[in-house]
N, C-alpha and C. Protein backbone atom coordinates (compact mmCIF):
# COMPACT_ATOMS: atom_id res chain seq x y z
N MET A 1 144.32 112.79 55.43
CA MET A 1 143.57 112.69 56.66
C MET A 1 142.07 112.65 56.34
N THR A 2 141.35 111.77 56.98
CA THR A 2 139.91 111.62 56.78
C THR A 2 139.16 112.56 57.71
N GLU A 3 138.21 113.28 57.13
CA GLU A 3 137.38 114.15 57.95
C GLU A 3 136.37 113.31 58.71
N THR A 4 136.08 113.71 59.93
CA THR A 4 135.06 113.02 60.72
C THR A 4 134.12 114.05 61.30
N ILE A 5 132.94 113.57 61.65
CA ILE A 5 131.99 114.41 62.37
C ILE A 5 131.49 113.61 63.56
N THR A 6 131.00 114.30 64.54
CA THR A 6 130.46 113.66 65.72
C THR A 6 129.00 114.05 65.85
N ILE A 7 128.17 113.03 66.02
CA ILE A 7 126.75 113.28 66.25
C ILE A 7 126.30 112.45 67.44
N PRO A 8 125.23 112.86 68.08
CA PRO A 8 124.72 112.07 69.20
C PRO A 8 124.32 110.67 68.74
N ARG A 9 124.52 109.68 69.63
CA ARG A 9 124.20 108.29 69.29
C ARG A 9 122.75 108.16 68.85
N ALA A 10 121.82 108.85 69.49
CA ALA A 10 120.40 108.74 69.13
C ALA A 10 120.18 109.17 67.68
N GLU A 11 120.87 110.22 67.26
CA GLU A 11 120.75 110.70 65.87
C GLU A 11 121.36 109.67 64.91
N TYR A 12 122.49 109.10 65.28
CA TYR A 12 123.13 108.07 64.47
C TYR A 12 122.21 106.86 64.32
N GLU A 13 121.61 106.41 65.41
CA GLU A 13 120.71 105.26 65.36
C GLU A 13 119.48 105.56 64.51
N ALA A 14 118.97 106.78 64.60
CA ALA A 14 117.81 107.17 63.79
C ALA A 14 118.17 107.14 62.30
N LEU A 15 119.35 107.59 61.96
CA LEU A 15 119.80 107.55 60.57
C LEU A 15 119.95 106.11 60.08
N ARG A 16 120.52 105.27 60.90
CA ARG A 16 120.65 103.85 60.53
C ARG A 16 119.29 103.20 60.33
N ALA A 17 118.35 103.49 61.22
CA ALA A 17 117.01 102.92 61.10
C ALA A 17 116.33 103.40 59.82
N ARG A 18 116.52 104.66 59.48
CA ARG A 18 115.92 105.18 58.24
C ARG A 18 116.51 104.50 57.02
N ILE A 19 117.81 104.28 57.01
CA ILE A 19 118.44 103.59 55.90
C ILE A 19 117.90 102.16 55.77
N GLU A 20 117.75 101.48 56.89
CA GLU A 20 117.20 100.12 56.87
C GLU A 20 115.76 100.12 56.35
N ASP A 21 114.96 101.12 56.77
CA ASP A 21 113.59 101.22 56.28
C ASP A 21 113.57 101.45 54.77
N LEU A 22 114.42 102.31 54.29
CA LEU A 22 114.47 102.58 52.85
C LEU A 22 114.92 101.35 52.08
N ASP A 23 115.88 100.64 52.62
CA ASP A 23 116.31 99.39 51.97
C ASP A 23 115.16 98.39 51.90
N ASP A 24 114.36 98.32 52.96
CA ASP A 24 113.20 97.43 52.96
C ASP A 24 112.18 97.85 51.91
N ILE A 25 111.94 99.15 51.79
CA ILE A 25 111.01 99.66 50.78
C ILE A 25 111.50 99.29 49.39
N LEU A 26 112.77 99.50 49.14
CA LEU A 26 113.33 99.19 47.82
C LEU A 26 113.28 97.69 47.53
N ALA A 27 113.55 96.88 48.52
CA ALA A 27 113.47 95.42 48.34
C ALA A 27 112.04 94.99 48.07
N GLY A 28 111.09 95.60 48.75
CA GLY A 28 109.68 95.28 48.52
C GLY A 28 109.25 95.67 47.12
N HIS A 29 109.71 96.82 46.66
CA HIS A 29 109.38 97.25 45.31
C HIS A 29 109.96 96.28 44.28
N ALA A 30 111.18 95.88 44.47
CA ALA A 30 111.82 94.93 43.55
C ALA A 30 111.09 93.59 43.56
N ALA A 31 110.66 93.15 44.74
CA ALA A 31 109.94 91.88 44.83
C ALA A 31 108.58 91.96 44.15
N ARG A 32 107.94 93.11 44.27
CA ARG A 32 106.61 93.29 43.68
C ARG A 32 106.68 93.39 42.17
N THR A 33 107.69 94.07 41.65
CA THR A 33 107.74 94.35 40.22
C THR A 33 108.69 93.44 39.45
N GLY A 34 109.64 92.82 40.13
CA GLY A 34 110.61 91.99 39.44
C GLY A 34 111.72 92.77 38.76
N VAL A 35 111.73 94.08 38.94
CA VAL A 35 112.78 94.92 38.36
C VAL A 35 113.39 95.78 39.44
N THR A 36 114.62 96.16 39.22
CA THR A 36 115.29 97.02 40.20
C THR A 36 115.84 98.25 39.51
N LEU A 37 116.01 99.27 40.29
CA LEU A 37 116.60 100.52 39.83
C LEU A 37 117.83 100.81 40.68
N PRO A 38 118.79 101.54 40.14
CA PRO A 38 119.88 101.99 41.00
C PRO A 38 119.31 102.82 42.15
N HIS A 39 120.00 102.81 43.25
CA HIS A 39 119.52 103.46 44.47
C HIS A 39 119.07 104.90 44.25
N GLU A 40 119.86 105.68 43.53
CA GLU A 40 119.52 107.10 43.36
C GLU A 40 118.18 107.28 42.64
N TYR A 41 117.88 106.40 41.69
CA TYR A 41 116.60 106.49 40.98
C TYR A 41 115.46 105.97 41.86
N ALA A 42 115.70 104.87 42.54
CA ALA A 42 114.68 104.32 43.42
C ALA A 42 114.30 105.31 44.52
N MET A 43 115.28 106.03 45.02
CA MET A 43 115.01 107.01 46.07
C MET A 43 114.10 108.13 45.56
N ARG A 44 114.21 108.48 44.31
CA ARG A 44 113.34 109.50 43.74
C ARG A 44 111.88 109.04 43.80
N ILE A 45 111.64 107.75 43.54
CA ILE A 45 110.28 107.22 43.62
C ILE A 45 109.82 107.20 45.07
N VAL A 46 110.68 106.74 45.97
CA VAL A 46 110.35 106.70 47.40
C VAL A 46 109.99 108.10 47.89
N GLU A 47 110.68 109.12 47.37
CA GLU A 47 110.44 110.49 47.80
C GLU A 47 109.25 111.14 47.10
N GLY A 48 108.55 110.39 46.24
CA GLY A 48 107.30 110.88 45.68
C GLY A 48 107.31 111.25 44.21
N GLU A 49 108.44 111.14 43.54
CA GLU A 49 108.46 111.46 42.11
C GLU A 49 107.74 110.35 41.34
N HIS A 50 107.08 110.70 40.26
CA HIS A 50 106.30 109.71 39.53
C HIS A 50 107.21 108.66 38.90
N PRO A 51 106.89 107.38 39.09
CA PRO A 51 107.73 106.30 38.55
C PRO A 51 107.92 106.36 37.03
N VAL A 52 106.92 106.83 36.29
CA VAL A 52 107.08 106.91 34.83
C VAL A 52 108.24 107.84 34.48
N ARG A 53 108.29 109.00 35.10
CA ARG A 53 109.38 109.95 34.82
C ARG A 53 110.73 109.36 35.23
N VAL A 54 110.78 108.73 36.40
CA VAL A 54 112.04 108.17 36.88
C VAL A 54 112.53 107.07 35.93
N TRP A 55 111.65 106.15 35.56
CA TRP A 55 112.05 105.08 34.64
C TRP A 55 112.43 105.64 33.27
N ARG A 56 111.70 106.64 32.81
CA ARG A 56 112.03 107.24 31.51
C ARG A 56 113.44 107.83 31.54
N GLU A 57 113.74 108.57 32.58
CA GLU A 57 115.06 109.17 32.68
C GLU A 57 116.14 108.11 32.88
N TYR A 58 115.83 107.07 33.66
CA TYR A 58 116.80 105.98 33.85
C TYR A 58 117.10 105.30 32.51
N ARG A 59 116.09 105.14 31.69
CA ARG A 59 116.28 104.51 30.37
C ARG A 59 116.89 105.48 29.36
N GLY A 60 117.08 106.75 29.76
CA GLY A 60 117.70 107.73 28.88
C GLY A 60 116.81 108.20 27.75
N MET A 61 115.50 108.18 27.98
CA MET A 61 114.55 108.58 26.94
C MET A 61 114.02 109.98 27.21
N THR A 62 113.78 110.71 26.14
CA THR A 62 113.09 111.98 26.27
C THR A 62 111.60 111.68 26.38
N ALA A 63 110.85 112.67 26.83
CA ALA A 63 109.40 112.49 26.92
C ALA A 63 108.82 112.26 25.52
N ALA A 64 109.33 112.98 24.54
CA ALA A 64 108.83 112.83 23.17
C ALA A 64 109.10 111.41 22.65
N ALA A 65 110.28 110.88 22.91
CA ALA A 65 110.63 109.54 22.44
C ALA A 65 109.76 108.49 23.12
N LEU A 66 109.53 108.64 24.42
CA LEU A 66 108.69 107.68 25.13
C LEU A 66 107.25 107.78 24.65
N ALA A 67 106.75 108.99 24.48
CA ALA A 67 105.38 109.15 24.00
C ALA A 67 105.21 108.48 22.64
N ASP A 68 106.17 108.67 21.75
CA ASP A 68 106.09 108.04 20.42
C ASP A 68 106.12 106.52 20.55
N ALA A 69 107.03 106.00 21.34
CA ALA A 69 107.17 104.55 21.49
C ALA A 69 105.93 103.93 22.14
N ALA A 70 105.32 104.67 23.07
CA ALA A 70 104.15 104.17 23.79
C ALA A 70 102.84 104.46 23.06
N LYS A 71 102.94 105.22 21.99
CA LYS A 71 101.76 105.59 21.19
C LYS A 71 100.74 106.40 22.02
N VAL A 72 101.27 107.35 22.79
CA VAL A 72 100.44 108.32 23.50
C VAL A 72 100.96 109.71 23.16
N SER A 73 100.15 110.72 23.36
CA SER A 73 100.62 112.07 23.07
C SER A 73 101.61 112.52 24.13
N LYS A 74 102.49 113.42 23.73
CA LYS A 74 103.48 113.94 24.67
C LYS A 74 102.76 114.69 25.80
N THR A 75 101.68 115.38 25.47
CA THR A 75 100.91 116.11 26.49
C THR A 75 100.32 115.14 27.51
N TYR A 76 99.76 114.04 27.02
CA TYR A 76 99.16 113.05 27.92
C TYR A 76 100.23 112.43 28.82
N LEU A 77 101.38 112.09 28.24
CA LEU A 77 102.47 111.54 29.03
C LEU A 77 102.90 112.54 30.11
N SER A 78 103.00 113.79 29.75
CA SER A 78 103.37 114.82 30.72
C SER A 78 102.35 114.91 31.85
N GLU A 79 101.06 114.80 31.50
CA GLU A 79 100.02 114.86 32.52
C GLU A 79 100.09 113.65 33.45
N ILE A 80 100.47 112.51 32.93
CA ILE A 80 100.65 111.32 33.78
C ILE A 80 101.84 111.55 34.72
N GLU A 81 102.96 111.99 34.15
CA GLU A 81 104.18 112.17 34.95
C GLU A 81 104.01 113.23 36.04
N THR A 82 103.19 114.23 35.78
CA THR A 82 103.00 115.29 36.78
C THR A 82 101.83 115.03 37.71
N GLY A 83 101.10 113.92 37.48
CA GLY A 83 99.97 113.57 38.34
C GLY A 83 98.69 114.31 38.02
N LYS A 84 98.67 115.05 36.91
CA LYS A 84 97.44 115.77 36.54
C LYS A 84 96.37 114.82 36.04
N LYS A 85 96.78 113.69 35.46
CA LYS A 85 95.85 112.66 35.01
C LYS A 85 96.37 111.32 35.51
N PRO A 86 95.45 110.41 35.85
CA PRO A 86 95.90 109.12 36.37
C PRO A 86 96.48 108.20 35.31
N GLY A 87 96.09 108.38 34.06
CA GLY A 87 96.58 107.50 32.99
C GLY A 87 95.70 106.27 32.84
N SER A 88 95.41 105.93 31.61
CA SER A 88 94.56 104.76 31.35
C SER A 88 95.40 103.49 31.41
N VAL A 89 94.70 102.37 31.50
CA VAL A 89 95.38 101.07 31.49
C VAL A 89 96.16 100.91 30.19
N ASP A 90 95.54 101.29 29.06
CA ASP A 90 96.23 101.17 27.77
C ASP A 90 97.47 102.05 27.71
N ALA A 91 97.39 103.26 28.26
CA ALA A 91 98.55 104.15 28.27
C ALA A 91 99.69 103.52 29.09
N TYR A 92 99.35 103.00 30.27
CA TYR A 92 100.38 102.38 31.11
C TYR A 92 100.98 101.14 30.44
N LYS A 93 100.15 100.38 29.75
CA LYS A 93 100.68 99.21 29.03
C LYS A 93 101.65 99.64 27.95
N GLY A 94 101.31 100.68 27.21
CA GLY A 94 102.21 101.19 26.17
C GLY A 94 103.51 101.71 26.74
N VAL A 95 103.41 102.48 27.81
CA VAL A 95 104.61 103.04 28.45
C VAL A 95 105.46 101.92 29.02
N ALA A 96 104.83 100.95 29.68
CA ALA A 96 105.58 99.83 30.26
C ALA A 96 106.31 99.06 29.17
N GLY A 97 105.65 98.81 28.05
CA GLY A 97 106.30 98.11 26.95
C GLY A 97 107.48 98.89 26.40
N ALA A 98 107.31 100.19 26.26
CA ALA A 98 108.39 101.03 25.73
C ALA A 98 109.58 101.10 26.69
N LEU A 99 109.30 101.01 27.99
CA LEU A 99 110.37 101.08 28.99
C LEU A 99 110.89 99.70 29.40
N ALA A 100 110.25 98.65 28.89
CA ALA A 100 110.64 97.27 29.20
C ALA A 100 110.57 96.99 30.70
N VAL A 101 109.46 97.40 31.32
CA VAL A 101 109.21 97.12 32.73
C VAL A 101 107.76 96.66 32.88
N PRO A 102 107.43 95.94 33.94
CA PRO A 102 106.04 95.60 34.17
C PRO A 102 105.23 96.85 34.54
N VAL A 103 103.96 96.82 34.23
CA VAL A 103 103.09 97.97 34.55
C VAL A 103 103.19 98.30 36.03
N ASP A 104 103.25 97.30 36.90
CA ASP A 104 103.33 97.55 38.35
C ASP A 104 104.49 98.46 38.74
N ALA A 105 105.58 98.41 37.98
CA ALA A 105 106.74 99.24 38.31
C ALA A 105 106.46 100.72 38.06
N LEU A 106 105.43 101.02 37.30
CA LEU A 106 105.13 102.41 36.93
C LEU A 106 104.04 103.04 37.77
N LEU A 107 103.37 102.25 38.59
CA LEU A 107 102.27 102.80 39.38
C LEU A 107 102.79 103.53 40.60
N PRO A 108 102.26 104.76 40.79
CA PRO A 108 102.75 105.54 41.95
C PRO A 108 102.32 104.93 43.27
């Protein structure tokens, strides 16, 4: 037997509208960057998590491995991922190359 729940139509419509809005955001991101992420990862970016961390975890890399591949210090990478530092253009280029994504995909 399938479990069901009942909610007011207005709440149901609001949930549907939110899903459509999120799908539009994800489609816009994919169009802008040329790359896509699985929904669960993309939602983390939509909800405010730093794209560098999300892409790093999606690619299965540790912070140390990404820092080495991008030729930046692990501390600097951590500061970028936590928003403590904005990150230089060169740092973003290195990280983007190591993650095989365009720089635009990494900008918050």
